[in-house]
Protein backbone atom coordinates (compact mmCIF):
# COMPACT_ATOMS: atom_id res chain seq x y z
CA UNK A 1 268.99 273.09 51.87
CA UNK A 2 265.62 273.19 50.18
CA UNK A 3 265.16 271.63 46.77
CA UNK A 4 263.03 272.83 43.87
CA UNK A 5 259.92 271.02 45.10
CA UNK A 6 260.21 272.69 48.50
CA UNK A 7 260.88 276.06 46.85
CA UNK A 8 257.80 275.69 44.66
CA UNK A 9 255.65 274.93 47.69
CA UNK A 10 257.16 277.73 49.78
CA UNK A 11 258.06 280.40 47.21
CA UNK A 12 258.17 283.21 49.79
CA UNK A 13 260.35 281.08 52.06
CA UNK A 14 258.03 281.47 55.04
CA UNK A 15 258.33 277.91 56.29
CA UNK A 16 262.07 277.68 55.64
CA UNK A 17 262.72 280.99 57.36
CA UNK A 18 260.74 279.92 60.43
CA UNK A 19 263.36 277.24 61.03
CA UNK A 20 266.06 279.94 61.17
CA UNK A 21 264.41 282.09 63.86
CA UNK A 22 266.03 281.39 67.22
CA UNK A 23 263.54 280.65 70.00
CA UNK A 24 260.45 280.82 67.78
CA UNK A 25 257.30 279.78 69.62
CA UNK A 26 254.58 277.35 68.53
CA UNK A 27 252.13 280.27 68.32
CA UNK A 28 254.45 282.14 65.99
CA UNK A 29 254.88 279.01 63.86
CA UNK A 30 251.10 278.62 63.57
CA UNK A 31 250.83 282.24 62.47
CA UNK A 32 253.52 281.71 59.82
CA UNK A 33 251.84 278.51 58.66
CA UNK A 34 248.51 280.32 58.37
CA UNK A 35 250.15 283.09 56.31
CA UNK A 36 251.75 280.42 54.10
CA UNK A 37 248.41 278.60 53.65
CA UNK A 38 246.48 281.77 52.83
CA UNK A 39 249.17 282.81 50.37
CA UNK A 40 248.93 279.48 48.57
CA UNK A 41 245.24 279.91 47.84
CA UNK A 42 244.95 276.15 47.27
CA UNK A 43 243.16 274.77 50.32
CA UNK A 44 242.61 271.40 48.63
CA UNK A 45 246.34 270.85 48.19
CA UNK A 46 247.41 272.20 51.55
CA UNK A 47 247.71 268.88 53.45
CA UNK A 48 249.77 267.33 50.65
CA UNK A 49 251.99 270.42 50.42
CA UNK A 50 252.47 270.44 54.20
CA UNK A 51 253.43 266.75 54.05
CA UNK A 52 256.07 267.44 51.40
CA UNK A 53 257.50 270.36 53.37
CA UNK A 54 257.50 268.19 56.48
CA UNK A 55 259.49 265.52 54.65
CA UNK A 56 262.12 268.14 53.79
CA UNK A 57 262.47 269.62 57.27
CA UNK A 58 261.56 266.91 59.79
CA UNK A 59 264.81 264.92 59.71
CA UNK A 60 266.94 268.00 60.43
CA UNK A 61 264.53 269.60 62.91
CA UNK A 62 262.46 266.86 64.60
CA UNK A 63 261.78 268.89 67.76
CA UNK A 64 261.20 272.30 66.16
CA UNK A 65 257.76 273.88 66.71
CA UNK A 66 257.33 274.40 62.96
CA UNK A 67 257.78 270.65 62.47
CA UNK A 68 254.89 270.08 64.88
CA UNK A 69 252.77 272.61 62.98
CA UNK A 70 253.55 270.90 59.66
CA UNK A 71 252.59 267.57 61.21
CA UNK A 72 249.23 269.07 62.14
CA UNK A 73 248.94 270.77 58.76
CA UNK A 74 249.32 267.56 56.80
CA UNK A 75 246.08 266.40 58.42
CA UNK A 76 244.28 269.36 56.88
CA UNK A 77 242.15 272.11 58.29
CA UNK A 78 238.89 271.01 59.76
CA UNK A 79 235.98 273.20 60.71
CA UNK A 80 235.57 273.28 64.46
CA UNK A 81 232.60 271.42 65.88
CA UNK A 82 229.67 273.64 66.76
CA UNK A 83 229.48 274.30 70.46
CA UNK A 84 226.98 276.34 72.39
CA UNK A 85 224.77 278.89 70.73
CA UNK A 86 221.10 279.66 70.93
CA UNK A 87 218.53 277.14 72.01
CA UNK A 88 215.27 276.82 70.22
CA UNK A 89 212.28 277.90 72.25
CA UNK A 90 209.61 275.37 73.13
CA UNK A 91 212.02 272.69 74.28
CA UNK A 92 211.62 270.69 77.45
CA UNK A 93 214.37 272.73 79.13
CA UNK A 94 212.32 275.94 78.98
CA UNK A 95 211.09 276.90 82.42
CA UNK A 96 207.57 278.22 82.83
CA UNK A 97 207.22 281.18 85.15
């Protein structure tokens, strides 16, 4: 059962309800986590909040996909590294025709 701290961090019950869905997939858990995070509107506190929720759910559900998502979430969201894109002209890789 969730306590008041857990309820305050998950007022819509999204995370708690995810644990009750039989056969929920990791992709569905990530979607629920994203909805929870957007609904919080407090990106700075998200890793700490995810860590608290993890502490409430992990012991009872160590192998649940939402537990894995909360483990990832406590590390925080990081911007993906830039990959690919346009090259500047004039570089040594430019071929002359």
